[in-house]
Amino acid sequence: MPQSVLAVTSQGPVLGTWQHTTARFLGIPYAEAPVGDLRFAAPVPVEPWTEPLDATRYGPTAQRRPFIVDGPTTIPEPSIPGDAVLNLNVFTPVPQPGADLPVLVWIHGGGYVAGSAASPWYDGSAFARDGIVLVSIGYRLGIEGFLHLDDAPDNRGVLDWIAALTWVRDNIDAFGGDPAKVTVAGQSAGGGATQTLMATPSAHGLFRAAISESGAVKSSQHRRDALADSARLTERTGVPALASALRDLTADELLALQDALATPEAGLTLAPFADGELIPVPVPDAFADGSAADVPLLLGFTRGEFNPPPGSTPTPAPVEAVRAVLAGHGLGPDAVTEYTALHAESDPAQRMGQALTDAIFRGPSLALAESRAHHELPTWLYHFTWGSAAHCIEIPFAFDLLDAERVTAATGPHPPQSLADAMHAAWVAFVRDLDPGPQWPRYTNKRRTTMTWDTTPQTLDDPLSAERRIWTTPPAGP
């Protein structure tokens, strides 16, 4: 049976549970509930308490409905009602001060409009078993987190991430963690969050390393695009893009506005953007000009993030639609022609899936790795190719949770434990030592070594050379 365990934070004591090798403290508030005047405000530190806070159950989530892309996502992501969504969870093997253990702060994905830190796929027990304190955080989503409003601070979700990291800095010692040994990590939108925090000067110093799994950032991050999104919301709904007009709407009413704003061709609309202050320049520009944090970075993607799953009957897409997707994500005409020629023999439906995979995930991550290599910064790149290699499939391998709920729905029966052992060990080594180990050399502009995660993991030099050239060659001038 679980036993009670107490930790004392700077706000007050919290009561968690101890089971096997892990102490769990769930739903700890790191900021006040964003309601009323705080709904669209910067996060406000939580008021202290004196009696032990019950931290035995996950707290409320900002997600009010799951993220849907052609059906339910693979990850089980519960929506938990309640207002105090700015909370976090701590999994630790040593729930007491002075242990000085490395810390992994996990930011969930969900396209910046959904996702849940309460997912069983984000349980930190395997990391705790291996001497790592894991913290998973919730944050404001969709309109509340990322829509530009003239009378509210921009990038409120990013401010939430920074507030959570600040809480970790100030409190993680109470749970056995070392605030000087923090790695920030995430997958999909969470991987994009990692990249965004590296491009956000006020977050620098809150973490010493970063992991971006299939990181996704808004393809056009200029302030003018965010202003256009706000104007489009008003045009379509008649509702002013103002905190004063949105503050008292119900969650369902906000979701209806969010649906009116979304369009298939828009991609990530409600997402972090370069507001010129908190985030000075778009994320790719920060990596290219060297202003992003120069901390060690481990990043990668899967082979078929958005490819149709085996056995499905997706609608074939004409090559013109593929070309439009590629151009919409910044490829010049020559690069679009080269890309379509590279995939000319592909099944038409798979070709569109691969174009989305490359436009959103593989291409930008390759460009980011190239920028890091140019600046000679410590970088490790991976390519997950096992099984369907679909979006999110690598998470239970990295977390060593192949027995978690719905994992086999994504992997099929009997996913290889040996692959989870190898991948999880590399993540643990990186968080602990700032290097995944000698079996995985750095990515440099001489070798471009890439770890290929498959039944038998192996490192290959520049295995995606054709894609790399397409996605990292600047468009030809006018």
Protein backbone atom coordinates (compact mmCIF):
# COMPACT_ATOMS: atom_id res chain seq x y z
CA MET A 1 0.00 0.00 0.00
CA PRO A 2 1.21 3.56 -0.68
CA GLN A 3 2.57 5.41 2.33
CA SER A 4 2.27 9.13 3.03
CA VAL A 5 5.31 11.33 2.61
CA LEU A 6 5.73 15.03 3.40
CA ALA A 7 7.86 17.70 1.68
CA VAL A 8 8.06 21.37 2.63
CA THR A 9 8.03 23.96 -0.17
CA SER A 10 8.49 27.70 0.12
CA GLN A 11 4.68 28.06 -0.07
CA GLY A 12 3.92 25.35 2.51
CA PRO A 13 3.99 21.61 3.20
CA VAL A 14 2.71 19.11 0.62
CA LEU A 15 1.57 15.56 1.32
CA GLY A 16 2.33 12.94 -1.30
CA THR A 17 2.53 9.17 -1.51
CA TRP A 18 5.47 6.77 -1.46
CA GLN A 19 5.24 3.54 -3.43
CA HIS A 20 8.05 1.17 -4.42
CA THR A 21 11.00 3.38 -5.46
CA THR A 22 9.10 6.62 -6.08
CA ALA A 23 7.52 9.39 -4.06
CA ARG A 24 4.73 11.16 -5.97
CA PHE A 25 3.54 14.68 -5.26
CA LEU A 26 0.70 15.52 -7.63
CA GLY A 27 -1.16 18.73 -8.46
CA ILE A 28 1.09 21.17 -6.59
CA PRO A 29 0.10 24.74 -7.58
CA TYR A 30 2.99 26.85 -8.86
CA ALA A 31 0.79 29.91 -9.53
CA GLU A 32 -2.66 31.14 -8.62
CA ALA A 33 -5.63 29.79 -10.56
CA PRO A 34 -6.01 31.84 -13.78
CA VAL A 35 -9.61 32.93 -13.27
CA GLY A 36 -11.36 36.29 -13.18
CA ASP A 37 -8.87 39.10 -13.61
CA LEU A 38 -6.04 36.53 -13.72
CA ARG A 39 -7.49 34.55 -16.63
CA PHE A 40 -5.38 36.35 -19.24
CA ALA A 41 -2.77 37.85 -16.91
CA ALA A 42 0.81 36.80 -16.32
CA PRO A 43 0.99 34.00 -13.74
CA VAL A 44 0.87 35.20 -10.13
CA PRO A 45 2.75 33.38 -7.33
CA VAL A 46 0.45 31.24 -5.23
CA GLU A 47 -0.51 32.36 -1.73
CA PRO A 48 1.27 30.37 1.02
CA TRP A 49 -0.52 27.79 3.14
CA THR A 50 0.23 26.28 6.55
CA GLU A 51 -1.61 22.95 6.71
CA PRO A 52 -0.26 20.08 4.53
CA LEU A 53 -1.64 20.33 0.98
CA ASP A 54 -3.11 17.10 -0.39
CA ALA A 55 -0.83 16.20 -3.30
CA THR A 56 -2.02 12.63 -3.77
CA ARG A 57 -4.13 13.20 -6.91
CA TYR A 58 -3.49 14.95 -10.21
CA GLY A 59 -4.72 18.53 -10.29
CA PRO A 60 -7.04 20.22 -12.81
CA THR A 61 -5.93 20.37 -16.43
CA ALA A 62 -6.23 23.26 -18.88
CA GLN A 63 -7.39 20.69 -21.43
CA ARG A 64 -11.16 20.61 -21.66
CA ARG A 65 -11.28 18.21 -24.61
CA PRO A 66 -8.61 15.96 -26.18
CA PHE A 67 -6.62 16.97 -29.23
CA ILE A 68 -8.04 15.24 -32.31
CA VAL A 69 -6.22 14.65 -35.60
CA ASP A 70 -8.19 12.17 -37.71
CA GLY A 71 -9.28 10.45 -34.50
CA PRO A 72 -8.21 10.22 -30.86
CA THR A 73 -4.56 10.72 -30.06
CA THR A 74 -2.60 7.67 -29.00
CA ILE A 75 -1.65 9.11 -25.63
CA PRO A 76 -4.26 8.75 -22.87
CA GLU A 77 -4.64 12.34 -21.69
CA PRO A 78 -7.36 12.83 -19.07
CA SER A 79 -9.19 16.13 -18.74
CA ILE A 80 -9.60 16.97 -15.05
CA PRO A 81 -12.09 19.72 -14.14
CA GLY A 82 -11.16 22.67 -11.97
CA ASP A 83 -9.71 26.16 -12.15
CA ALA A 84 -6.25 25.69 -10.61
CA VAL A 85 -4.66 24.44 -13.84
CA LEU A 86 -1.24 25.98 -13.13
CA ASN A 87 0.02 22.97 -11.22
CA LEU A 88 2.82 20.44 -11.50
CA ASN A 89 3.73 16.92 -10.43
CA VAL A 90 6.99 15.72 -8.85
CA PHE A 91 8.31 12.14 -8.99
CA THR A 92 11.40 11.61 -6.87
CA PRO A 93 13.42 8.74 -5.39
CA VAL A 94 14.61 10.87 -2.45
CA PRO A 95 11.86 13.18 -1.12
CA GLN A 96 14.14 15.20 1.12
CA PRO A 97 16.60 18.09 0.81
CA GLY A 98 20.28 17.64 0.10
CA ALA A 99 20.24 14.74 -2.35
CA ASP A 100 21.28 17.05 -5.23
CA LEU A 101 19.77 14.81 -7.91
CA PRO A 102 19.45 15.92 -11.55
CA VAL A 103 15.98 17.11 -12.59
CA LEU A 104 13.96 16.59 -15.77
CA VAL A 105 11.10 19.07 -16.32
CA TRP A 106 8.57 17.66 -18.81
CA ILE A 107 6.24 19.86 -20.91
CA HIS A 108 3.39 17.94 -22.53
CA GLY A 109 2.37 18.20 -26.17
CA GLY A 110 -1.04 18.64 -27.77
CA GLY A 111 -0.60 21.30 -30.42
CA TYR A 112 -0.66 24.07 -27.76
CA VAL A 113 -4.45 23.62 -27.59
CA ALA A 114 -4.70 20.31 -25.68
CA GLY A 115 -2.67 17.79 -23.70
CA SER A 116 -2.47 16.75 -20.08
CA ALA A 117 0.33 16.46 -17.55
CA ALA A 118 -1.79 13.76 -15.88
CA SER A 119 -1.13 11.22 -18.63
CA PRO A 120 0.14 7.82 -17.44
CA TRP A 121 2.71 8.08 -20.25
CA TYR A 122 4.38 10.89 -18.28
CA ASP A 123 4.72 8.96 -15.03
CA GLY A 124 8.23 9.59 -13.76
CA SER A 125 8.77 6.33 -11.88
CA ALA A 126 11.41 4.94 -14.26
CA PHE A 127 13.39 8.16 -14.12
CA ALA A 128 13.11 8.20 -10.32
CA ARG A 129 14.28 4.58 -10.25
CA ASP A 130 17.39 5.74 -12.11
CA GLY A 131 18.14 8.71 -9.86
CA ILE A 132 16.34 11.49 -11.75
CA VAL A 133 13.66 13.78 -10.28
CA LEU A 134 10.93 14.29 -12.88
CA VAL A 135 8.57 17.28 -12.86
CA SER A 136 5.62 17.43 -15.28
CA ILE A 137 3.80 20.74 -15.67
CA GLY A 138 0.43 22.04 -16.78
CA TYR A 139 -0.01 25.38 -18.56
CA ARG A 140 -2.68 27.50 -20.25
CA LEU A 141 -3.69 26.33 -23.72
CA GLY A 142 -5.32 27.70 -26.85
CA ILE A 143 -6.85 31.16 -26.65
CA GLU A 144 -6.09 31.53 -22.95
CA GLY A 145 -2.42 30.70 -23.45
CA PHE A 146 -1.45 32.05 -26.85
CA LEU A 147 -3.92 34.34 -28.65
CA HIS A 148 -2.65 37.92 -28.96
CA LEU A 149 -4.93 40.27 -26.99
CA ASP A 150 -4.35 44.01 -27.00
CA ASP A 151 -5.07 44.30 -23.28
CA ALA A 152 -3.12 41.26 -22.02
CA PRO A 153 0.49 40.04 -22.05
CA ASP A 154 1.49 37.95 -25.06
CA ASN A 155 2.63 34.33 -24.84
CA ARG A 156 0.91 33.65 -21.53
CA GLY A 157 1.60 29.92 -21.89
CA VAL A 158 5.30 30.68 -22.19
CA LEU A 159 5.09 32.80 -19.04
CA ASP A 160 3.50 29.77 -17.36
CA TRP A 161 6.47 27.56 -18.38
CA ILE A 162 8.87 30.14 -16.95
CA ALA A 163 6.84 30.38 -13.72
CA ALA A 164 6.97 26.58 -13.37
CA LEU A 165 10.73 26.54 -13.97
CA THR A 166 11.11 29.32 -11.40
CA TRP A 167 9.16 27.21 -8.91
CA VAL A 168 11.51 24.31 -9.66
CA ARG A 169 14.53 26.55 -9.05
CA ASP A 170 13.13 27.70 -5.71
CA ASN A 171 11.63 24.43 -4.45
CA ILE A 172 13.09 21.32 -6.04
CA ASP A 173 15.70 20.89 -3.31
CA ALA A 174 12.84 19.98 -0.95
CA PHE A 175 12.23 16.93 -3.17
CA GLY A 176 15.88 15.88 -3.49
CA GLY A 177 16.57 17.76 -6.73
CA ASP A 178 19.42 20.11 -7.55
CA PRO A 179 18.18 23.41 -9.05
CA ALA A 180 21.50 23.75 -10.88
CA LYS A 181 20.96 20.44 -12.72
CA VAL A 182 17.67 21.03 -14.54
CA THR A 183 16.97 19.72 -18.04
CA VAL A 184 13.81 20.98 -19.77
CA ALA A 185 12.15 18.54 -22.19
CA GLY A 186 8.98 17.83 -24.13
CA GLN A 187 7.47 16.14 -27.16
CA SER A 188 5.58 17.69 -30.11
CA ALA A 189 4.29 21.05 -28.80
CA GLY A 190 6.31 20.27 -25.67
CA GLY A 191 9.41 19.87 -27.83
CA GLY A 192 8.53 23.18 -29.45
CA ALA A 193 8.20 24.63 -25.96
CA THR A 194 11.74 23.46 -25.22
CA GLN A 195 13.02 25.20 -28.35
CA THR A 196 11.00 28.32 -27.52
CA LEU A 197 12.43 28.51 -24.00
CA MET A 198 15.92 28.29 -25.48
CA ALA A 199 15.00 31.33 -27.61
CA THR A 200 13.55 33.24 -24.61
CA PRO A 201 16.23 35.24 -22.75
CA SER A 202 14.28 35.46 -19.48
CA ALA A 203 14.23 31.65 -19.29
CA HIS A 204 17.99 31.35 -19.66
CA GLY A 205 19.64 30.20 -16.46
CA LEU A 206 16.61 28.17 -15.38
CA PHE A 207 17.89 25.02 -17.09
CA ARG A 208 21.28 23.63 -18.07
CA ALA A 209 20.23 21.27 -20.91
CA ALA A 210 17.27 20.56 -23.19
CA ILE A 211 15.54 17.67 -24.98
CA SER A 212 13.21 18.28 -27.92
CA GLU A 213 11.33 15.19 -29.12
CA SER A 214 9.53 15.83 -32.40
CA GLY A 215 9.46 19.52 -31.56
CA ALA A 216 6.80 21.58 -33.34
CA VAL A 217 6.82 25.36 -33.53
CA LYS A 218 4.62 27.76 -35.46
CA SER A 219 5.93 27.93 -39.02
CA SER A 220 5.55 31.72 -39.18
CA GLN A 221 6.18 33.33 -35.82
CA HIS A 222 6.25 37.02 -36.58
CA ARG A 223 4.15 39.41 -34.53
CA ARG A 224 2.24 40.48 -37.63
CA ASP A 225 0.95 36.92 -38.04
CA ALA A 226 -0.32 36.86 -34.45
CA LEU A 227 -2.08 40.19 -35.00
CA ALA A 228 -3.65 38.79 -38.18
CA ASP A 229 -4.90 35.77 -36.25
CA SER A 230 -6.57 38.02 -33.68
CA ALA A 231 -8.15 40.12 -36.41
CA ARG A 232 -9.42 36.98 -38.15
CA LEU A 233 -11.09 35.82 -34.92
CA THR A 234 -13.03 39.07 -34.71
CA GLU A 235 -13.94 38.96 -38.41
CA ARG A 236 -15.33 35.45 -38.11
CA THR A 237 -17.08 35.71 -34.76
CA GLY A 238 -17.69 39.39 -34.07
CA VAL A 239 -15.99 38.99 -30.68
CA PRO A 240 -13.19 41.52 -29.99
CA ALA A 241 -9.78 39.97 -29.34
CA LEU A 242 -9.63 41.54 -25.89
CA ALA A 243 -9.21 39.99 -22.47
CA SER A 244 -12.06 42.19 -21.25
CA ALA A 245 -14.37 40.64 -23.85
CA LEU A 246 -13.24 37.05 -23.27
CA ARG A 247 -12.68 36.96 -19.52
CA ASP A 248 -16.16 35.81 -18.50
CA LEU A 249 -16.82 33.33 -21.33
CA THR A 250 -17.24 29.68 -20.45
CA ALA A 251 -14.70 27.07 -21.52
CA ASP A 252 -17.14 25.80 -24.16
CA GLU A 253 -17.64 29.31 -25.52
CA LEU A 254 -13.87 29.78 -25.80
CA LEU A 255 -13.52 26.44 -27.56
CA ALA A 256 -16.18 27.51 -30.06
CA LEU A 257 -14.18 30.66 -30.80
CA GLN A 258 -11.06 28.53 -31.12
CA ASP A 259 -12.81 26.31 -33.65
CA ALA A 260 -13.85 29.36 -35.66
CA LEU A 261 -10.24 30.51 -35.81
CA ALA A 262 -8.78 27.17 -36.89
CA THR A 263 -8.38 26.28 -40.56
CA PRO A 264 -6.75 23.17 -42.07
CA GLU A 265 -4.16 25.23 -43.91
CA ALA A 266 -3.30 27.40 -40.90
CA GLY A 267 -1.39 24.71 -39.00
CA LEU A 268 -0.37 25.83 -35.52
CA THR A 269 -2.31 29.08 -35.09
CA LEU A 270 -2.52 29.33 -31.30
CA ALA A 271 1.13 28.85 -30.44
CA PRO A 272 4.13 30.85 -29.18
CA PHE A 273 5.24 33.67 -31.45
CA ALA A 274 8.00 36.28 -31.52
CA ASP A 275 6.36 39.19 -29.73
CA GLY A 276 9.57 41.24 -29.83
CA GLU A 277 9.87 41.36 -26.04
CA LEU A 278 9.55 38.03 -24.22
CA ILE A 279 10.53 36.17 -27.40
CA PRO A 280 12.65 38.67 -29.34
CA VAL A 281 12.91 36.79 -32.66
CA PRO A 282 11.39 33.64 -34.20
CA VAL A 283 12.82 30.41 -32.82
CA PRO A 284 14.69 29.39 -36.02
CA ASP A 285 16.28 32.85 -36.21
CA ALA A 286 17.46 32.62 -32.60
CA PHE A 287 19.24 29.35 -33.34
CA ALA A 288 20.66 30.68 -36.60
CA ASP A 289 22.05 33.89 -35.10
CA GLY A 290 23.33 32.19 -31.96
CA SER A 291 21.09 34.05 -29.49
CA ALA A 292 19.36 30.86 -28.32
CA ALA A 293 20.65 29.29 -25.12
CA ASP A 294 23.93 27.48 -25.79
CA VAL A 295 23.11 24.59 -23.45
CA PRO A 296 23.55 20.95 -24.55
CA LEU A 297 20.62 19.86 -26.71
CA LEU A 298 19.31 16.40 -27.59
CA LEU A 299 16.68 16.45 -30.34
CA GLY A 300 15.09 14.25 -32.96
CA PHE A 301 11.94 12.97 -34.61
CA THR A 302 10.26 9.82 -35.91
CA ARG A 303 10.30 8.62 -39.49
CA GLY A 304 6.54 8.90 -40.10
CA GLU A 305 5.13 11.45 -37.65
CA PHE A 306 1.96 12.16 -39.62
CA ASN A 307 2.02 9.33 -42.14
CA PRO A 308 -1.18 7.25 -42.44
CA PRO A 309 -1.04 4.22 -40.15
CA PRO A 310 -0.61 0.74 -41.65
CA GLY A 311 -3.90 -0.77 -42.73
CA SER A 312 -5.70 2.56 -43.03
CA THR A 313 -7.35 3.80 -46.22
CA PRO A 314 -6.46 7.50 -46.35
CA THR A 315 -7.59 9.72 -49.20
CA PRO A 316 -4.82 10.16 -51.79
CA ALA A 317 -3.64 13.75 -52.12
CA PRO A 318 -2.71 15.24 -55.50
CA VAL A 319 0.85 16.41 -55.90
CA GLU A 320 -0.43 20.00 -56.11
CA ALA A 321 -1.69 19.71 -52.54
CA VAL A 322 1.68 18.39 -51.42
CA ARG A 323 3.44 21.27 -53.14
CA ALA A 324 1.09 23.73 -51.40
CA VAL A 325 1.90 22.26 -47.97
CA LEU A 326 5.63 22.48 -48.63
CA ALA A 327 5.43 26.05 -49.92
CA GLY A 328 3.25 27.02 -46.97
CA HIS A 329 6.02 25.87 -44.63
CA GLY A 330 8.68 27.98 -46.28
CA LEU A 331 10.21 25.84 -49.02
CA GLY A 332 11.18 27.75 -52.17
CA PRO A 333 10.02 26.60 -55.62
CA ASP A 334 13.26 24.75 -56.43
CA ALA A 335 13.23 22.94 -53.10
CA VAL A 336 9.56 22.00 -53.57
CA THR A 337 10.39 20.51 -56.97
CA GLU A 338 13.34 18.62 -55.52
CA TYR A 339 11.24 17.28 -52.66
CA THR A 340 8.40 16.04 -54.85
CA ALA A 341 10.92 14.38 -57.16
CA LEU A 342 12.51 12.65 -54.17
CA HIS A 343 9.11 11.16 -53.27
CA ALA A 344 7.74 10.73 -56.79
CA GLU A 345 7.36 6.96 -56.40
CA SER A 346 5.57 7.16 -53.05
CA ASP A 347 1.95 6.26 -52.53
CA PRO A 348 -0.03 9.53 -52.95
CA ALA A 349 -1.49 9.38 -49.44
CA GLN A 350 1.85 8.46 -47.85
CA ARG A 351 3.49 11.27 -49.82
CA MET A 352 1.24 13.85 -48.18
CA GLY A 353 1.84 12.31 -44.76
CA GLN A 354 5.57 12.43 -45.32
CA ALA A 355 5.36 16.03 -46.52
CA LEU A 356 3.59 17.00 -43.28
CA THR A 357 6.11 14.98 -41.26
CA ASP A 358 9.02 16.73 -42.92
CA ALA A 359 7.48 20.21 -43.00
CA ILE A 360 6.50 20.25 -39.33
CA PHE A 361 9.10 18.03 -37.68
CA ARG A 362 12.04 16.57 -39.59
CA GLY A 363 12.89 19.58 -41.76
CA PRO A 364 12.89 22.22 -39.00
CA SER A 365 14.78 19.93 -36.62
CA LEU A 366 17.44 19.22 -39.24
CA ALA A 367 17.79 22.96 -39.83
CA LEU A 368 18.08 23.55 -36.09
CA ALA A 369 20.76 20.86 -35.77
CA GLU A 370 22.64 22.48 -38.64
CA SER A 371 22.51 25.87 -36.92
CA ARG A 372 23.82 24.34 -33.72
CA ALA A 373 26.60 22.56 -35.60
CA HIS A 374 27.56 25.83 -37.30
CA HIS A 375 28.01 27.42 -33.86
CA GLU A 376 29.86 24.29 -32.62
CA LEU A 377 27.39 23.74 -29.79
CA PRO A 378 26.92 20.31 -28.15
CA THR A 379 24.07 18.65 -30.04
CA TRP A 380 22.83 15.07 -30.39
CA LEU A 381 20.34 14.11 -33.12
CA TYR A 382 18.17 10.99 -33.33
CA HIS A 383 15.80 9.40 -35.86
CA PHE A 384 13.21 6.96 -34.46
CA THR A 385 12.45 4.36 -37.14
CA TRP A 386 11.08 1.35 -35.23
CA GLY A 387 7.64 0.02 -36.15
CA SER A 388 5.21 2.55 -37.56
CA ALA A 389 7.47 5.36 -36.26
CA ALA A 390 4.31 7.42 -35.81
CA HIS A 391 3.92 10.65 -33.89
CA CYS A 392 4.28 10.16 -30.08
CA ILE A 393 5.35 6.51 -30.35
CA GLU A 394 8.81 7.17 -28.93
CA ILE A 395 7.53 8.55 -25.59
CA PRO A 396 6.94 5.24 -23.75
CA PHE A 397 10.38 4.06 -24.91
CA ALA A 398 12.10 7.18 -23.56
CA PHE A 399 10.09 6.93 -20.31
CA ASP A 400 10.56 3.13 -20.11
CA LEU A 401 6.81 2.65 -19.69
CA LEU A 402 5.94 0.01 -22.26
CA ASP A 403 3.38 -1.46 -19.86
CA ALA A 404 1.46 1.82 -19.52
CA GLU A 405 -2.14 2.24 -20.63
CA ARG A 406 -2.71 2.17 -24.42
CA VAL A 407 0.95 1.76 -25.33
CA THR A 408 0.31 -1.40 -27.34
CA ALA A 409 -2.49 0.42 -29.19
CA ALA A 410 0.33 2.52 -30.65
CA THR A 411 3.12 -0.04 -30.84
CA GLY A 412 1.29 -3.30 -31.42
CA PRO A 413 1.91 -6.29 -29.14
CA HIS A 414 5.32 -6.98 -27.65
CA PRO A 415 7.23 -3.72 -28.23
CA PRO A 416 10.95 -4.40 -27.71
CA GLN A 417 12.00 -3.77 -24.12
CA SER A 418 15.62 -3.71 -25.30
CA LEU A 419 14.88 -0.56 -27.32
CA ALA A 420 13.23 1.09 -24.30
CA ASP A 421 16.25 0.12 -22.18
CA ALA A 422 18.67 1.73 -24.64
CA MET A 423 16.65 4.87 -25.29
CA HIS A 424 15.77 5.48 -21.65
CA ALA A 425 19.39 4.94 -20.60
CA ALA A 426 20.53 7.55 -23.13
CA TRP A 427 17.99 10.08 -21.77
CA VAL A 428 19.08 9.37 -18.18
CA ALA A 429 22.76 9.75 -19.08
CA PHE A 430 22.05 13.05 -20.86
CA VAL A 431 20.10 14.50 -17.92
CA ARG A 432 22.73 13.29 -15.46
CA ASP A 433 25.96 13.86 -17.41
CA LEU A 434 24.98 16.30 -20.22
CA ASP A 435 25.99 13.58 -22.71
CA PRO A 436 24.01 10.47 -23.75
CA GLY A 437 27.16 8.35 -23.75
CA PRO A 438 30.07 7.31 -25.97
CA GLN A 439 27.85 5.15 -28.18
CA TRP A 440 26.18 8.33 -29.49
CA PRO A 441 28.63 10.95 -30.84
CA ARG A 442 27.68 14.59 -31.27
CA TYR A 443 26.13 16.00 -34.42
CA THR A 444 28.73 18.15 -36.19
CA ASN A 445 28.96 19.72 -39.62
CA LYS A 446 31.68 17.21 -40.50
CA ARG A 447 29.88 13.93 -39.73
CA ARG A 448 26.25 14.75 -38.84
CA THR A 449 26.08 11.61 -36.72
CA THR A 450 22.48 10.54 -36.05
CA MET A 451 21.30 7.88 -33.61
CA THR A 452 18.81 5.64 -35.38
CA TRP A 453 16.45 4.12 -32.83
CA ASP A 454 15.29 0.75 -34.14
CA THR A 455 15.25 -2.85 -32.96
CA THR A 456 19.03 -2.64 -33.10
CA PRO A 457 20.00 1.00 -32.44
CA GLN A 458 22.90 2.31 -34.49
CA THR A 459 24.58 5.60 -35.31
CA LEU A 460 24.74 6.65 -38.95
CA ASP A 461 26.47 9.62 -40.52
CA ASP A 462 24.10 11.96 -42.35
CA PRO A 463 21.38 9.35 -43.07
CA LEU A 464 18.93 12.08 -44.17
CA SER A 465 21.33 13.95 -46.41
CA ALA A 466 18.80 14.49 -49.21
CA GLU A 467 16.16 15.86 -46.84
CA ARG A 468 18.76 17.94 -45.03
CA ARG A 469 19.86 19.68 -48.22
CA ILE A 470 16.27 20.44 -49.18
CA TRP A 471 15.27 21.87 -45.81
CA THR A 472 18.45 23.77 -44.99
CA THR A 473 19.27 25.38 -48.33
CA PRO A 474 18.07 29.02 -48.38
CA PRO A 475 15.51 29.80 -51.11
CA ALA A 476 16.91 31.37 -54.27
CA GLY A 477 16.67 35.16 -54.43
CA PRO A 478 14.20 37.01 -56.68
